[in-house]
Amino acid sequence: TGVAGTDTSPALEEAGLTYEVVSMGCQMNAADSERMAGSLEALGFRPAPEASVGKGRADVVVVNTCSIRDHAEQKVYSTLGPY
């Protein structure tokens, strides 16, 4: 199966694992983030509930940034600071 396939993992679906994708930086990241979200869903993850987004309550958090823009890169370091 894998990311390119359409089969989901029954174990992940049963576990009810959630994800959140955070995009920072250039606008091209939005399309990349959508593709990553689709890949996670194909693996059986569900999007984190809206009320928990940005609060670190998802099982998996993907931070997608553009290192070409220094401001975006610094914003990621600030976001990851507590971890």
C-alpha atoms as a PDB file:
ATOM      1  CA  THR A   1       0.000   0.000   0.000  1.00  0.00           C
ATOM      2  CA  GLY A   2       1.930   3.084   1.167  1.00  0.00           C
ATOM      3  CA  VAL A   3       1.267   6.751   0.639  1.00  0.00           C
ATOM      4  CA  ALA A   4       0.654   6.483  -3.096  1.00  0.00           C
ATOM      5  CA  GLY A   5      -1.941   3.747  -2.596  1.00  0.00           C
ATOM      6  CA  THR A   6      -5.524   4.175  -1.549  1.00  0.00           C
ATOM      7  CA  ASP A   7      -5.627   1.470   1.124  1.00  0.00           C
ATOM      8  CA  THR A   8      -5.780   2.780   4.662  1.00  0.00           C
ATOM      9  CA  SER A   9      -4.297   1.165   7.706  1.00  0.00           C
ATOM     10  CA  PRO A  10      -7.083  -0.501   9.740  1.00  0.00           C
ATOM     11  CA  ALA A  11      -4.965  -0.135  12.882  1.00  0.00           C
ATOM     12  CA  LEU A  12      -4.663   3.631  12.379  1.00  0.00           C
ATOM     13  CA  GLU A  13      -8.370   3.980  11.656  1.00  0.00           C
ATOM     14  CA  GLU A  14      -9.228   2.051  14.798  1.00  0.00           C
ATOM     15  CA  ALA A  15      -6.794   4.098  16.856  1.00  0.00           C
ATOM     16  CA  GLY A  16      -8.417   7.310  15.629  1.00  0.00           C
ATOM     17  CA  LEU A  17      -5.069   9.074  15.259  1.00  0.00           C
ATOM     18  CA  THR A  18      -5.268  12.713  14.235  1.00  0.00           C
ATOM     19  CA  TYR A  19      -3.015  15.104  12.367  1.00  0.00           C
ATOM     20  CA  GLU A  20      -2.516  18.814  11.869  1.00  0.00           C
ATOM     21  CA  VAL A  21      -0.520  20.451   9.082  1.00  0.00           C
ATOM     22  CA  VAL A  22       0.828  23.943   9.808  1.00  0.00           C
ATOM     23  CA  SER A  23       2.003  25.953   6.784  1.00  0.00           C
ATOM     24  CA  MET A  24       4.388  28.864   7.160  1.00  0.00           C
ATOM     25  CA  GLY A  25       6.227  30.826   4.503  1.00  0.00           C
ATOM     26  CA  CYS A  26       5.554  31.017   0.796  1.00  0.00           C
ATOM     27  CA  GLN A  27       2.175  30.392  -0.802  1.00  0.00           C
ATOM     28  CA  MET A  28       3.439  27.288  -2.575  1.00  0.00           C
ATOM     29  CA  ASN A  29       3.445  25.600   0.829  1.00  0.00           C
ATOM     30  CA  ALA A  30      -0.373  25.542   0.849  1.00  0.00           C
ATOM     31  CA  ALA A  31      -0.463  23.106  -2.084  1.00  0.00           C
ATOM     32  CA  ASP A  32       2.293  20.988  -0.533  1.00  0.00           C
ATOM     33  CA  SER A  33       0.440  20.950   2.787  1.00  0.00           C
ATOM     34  CA  GLU A  34      -2.747  19.765   1.074  1.00  0.00           C
ATOM     35  CA  ARG A  35      -0.805  16.910  -0.541  1.00  0.00           C
ATOM     36  CA  MET A  36       0.702  15.918   2.826  1.00  0.00           C
ATOM     37  CA  ALA A  37      -2.744  16.014   4.442  1.00  0.00           C
ATOM     38  CA  GLY A  38      -4.069  13.764   1.682  1.00  0.00           C
ATOM     39  CA  SER A  39      -1.197  11.339   2.231  1.00  0.00           C
ATOM     40  CA  LEU A  40      -1.877  11.211   5.968  1.00  0.00           C
ATOM     41  CA  GLU A  41      -5.573  10.579   5.343  1.00  0.00           C
ATOM     42  CA  ALA A  42      -4.696   7.816   2.862  1.00  0.00           C
ATOM     43  CA  LEU A  43      -2.742   6.192   5.701  1.00  0.00           C
ATOM     44  CA  GLY A  44      -5.790   6.338   7.996  1.00  0.00           C
ATOM     45  CA  PHE A  45      -5.205   9.549   9.971  1.00  0.00           C
ATOM     46  CA  ARG A  46      -8.056  11.996  10.557  1.00  0.00           C
ATOM     47  CA  PRO A  47      -7.759  15.801  10.681  1.00  0.00           C
ATOM     48  CA  ALA A  48      -7.600  17.101  14.246  1.00  0.00           C
ATOM     49  CA  PRO A  49     -10.846  18.670  15.464  1.00  0.00           C
ATOM     50  CA  GLU A  50     -10.951  22.403  14.717  1.00  0.00           C
ATOM     51  CA  ALA A  51     -11.062  23.249  18.434  1.00  0.00           C
ATOM     52  CA  SER A  52      -7.705  21.561  19.018  1.00  0.00           C
ATOM     53  CA  VAL A  53      -5.836  22.994  16.009  1.00  0.00           C
ATOM     54  CA  GLY A  54      -2.807  25.013  17.073  1.00  0.00           C
ATOM     55  CA  LYS A  55      -2.874  23.658  20.609  1.00  0.00           C
ATOM     56  CA  GLY A  56      -0.604  20.644  20.128  1.00  0.00           C
ATOM     57  CA  ARG A  57      -3.412  18.137  20.658  1.00  0.00           C
ATOM     58  CA  ALA A  58      -3.025  16.274  17.355  1.00  0.00           C
ATOM     59  CA  ASP A  59      -1.165  12.969  17.380  1.00  0.00           C
ATOM     60  CA  VAL A  60       0.982  14.114  14.446  1.00  0.00           C
ATOM     61  CA  VAL A  61       1.882  17.726  13.664  1.00  0.00           C
ATOM     62  CA  VAL A  62       3.591  18.517  10.362  1.00  0.00           C
ATOM     63  CA  VAL A  63       5.226  21.958  10.157  1.00  0.00           C
ATOM     64  CA  ASN A  64       5.718  22.891   6.510  1.00  0.00           C
ATOM     65  CA  THR A  65       7.858  25.942   5.844  1.00  0.00           C
ATOM     66  CA  CYS A  66      10.004  27.633   3.250  1.00  0.00           C
ATOM     67  CA  SER A  67      13.593  28.102   4.367  1.00  0.00           C
ATOM     68  CA  ILE A  68      14.194  30.686   1.649  1.00  0.00           C
ATOM     69  CA  ARG A  69      12.362  33.286   3.709  1.00  0.00           C
ATOM     70  CA  ASP A  70      14.156  33.880   6.992  1.00  0.00           C
ATOM     71  CA  HIS A  71      11.040  35.197   8.742  1.00  0.00           C
ATOM     72  CA  ALA A  72       9.184  31.929   8.079  1.00  0.00           C
ATOM     73  CA  GLU A  73      12.147  29.908   9.305  1.00  0.00           C
ATOM     74  CA  GLN A  74      12.367  31.936  12.533  1.00  0.00           C
ATOM     75  CA  LYS A  75       8.605  31.518  13.022  1.00  0.00           C
ATOM     76  CA  VAL A  76       9.045  27.730  12.896  1.00  0.00           C
ATOM     77  CA  TYR A  77      11.775  27.829  15.536  1.00  0.00           C
ATOM     78  CA  SER A  78       9.480  29.912  17.726  1.00  0.00           C
ATOM     79  CA  THR A  79       6.613  27.457  17.214  1.00  0.00           C
ATOM     80  CA  LEU A  80       8.800  24.456  18.034  1.00  0.00           C
ATOM     81  CA  GLY A  81      10.451  26.138  21.044  1.00  0.00           C
ATOM     82  CA  PRO A  82       8.345  24.405  23.727  1.00  0.00           C
ATOM     83  CA  TYR A  83       9.049  20.984  22.220  1.00  0.00           C
END
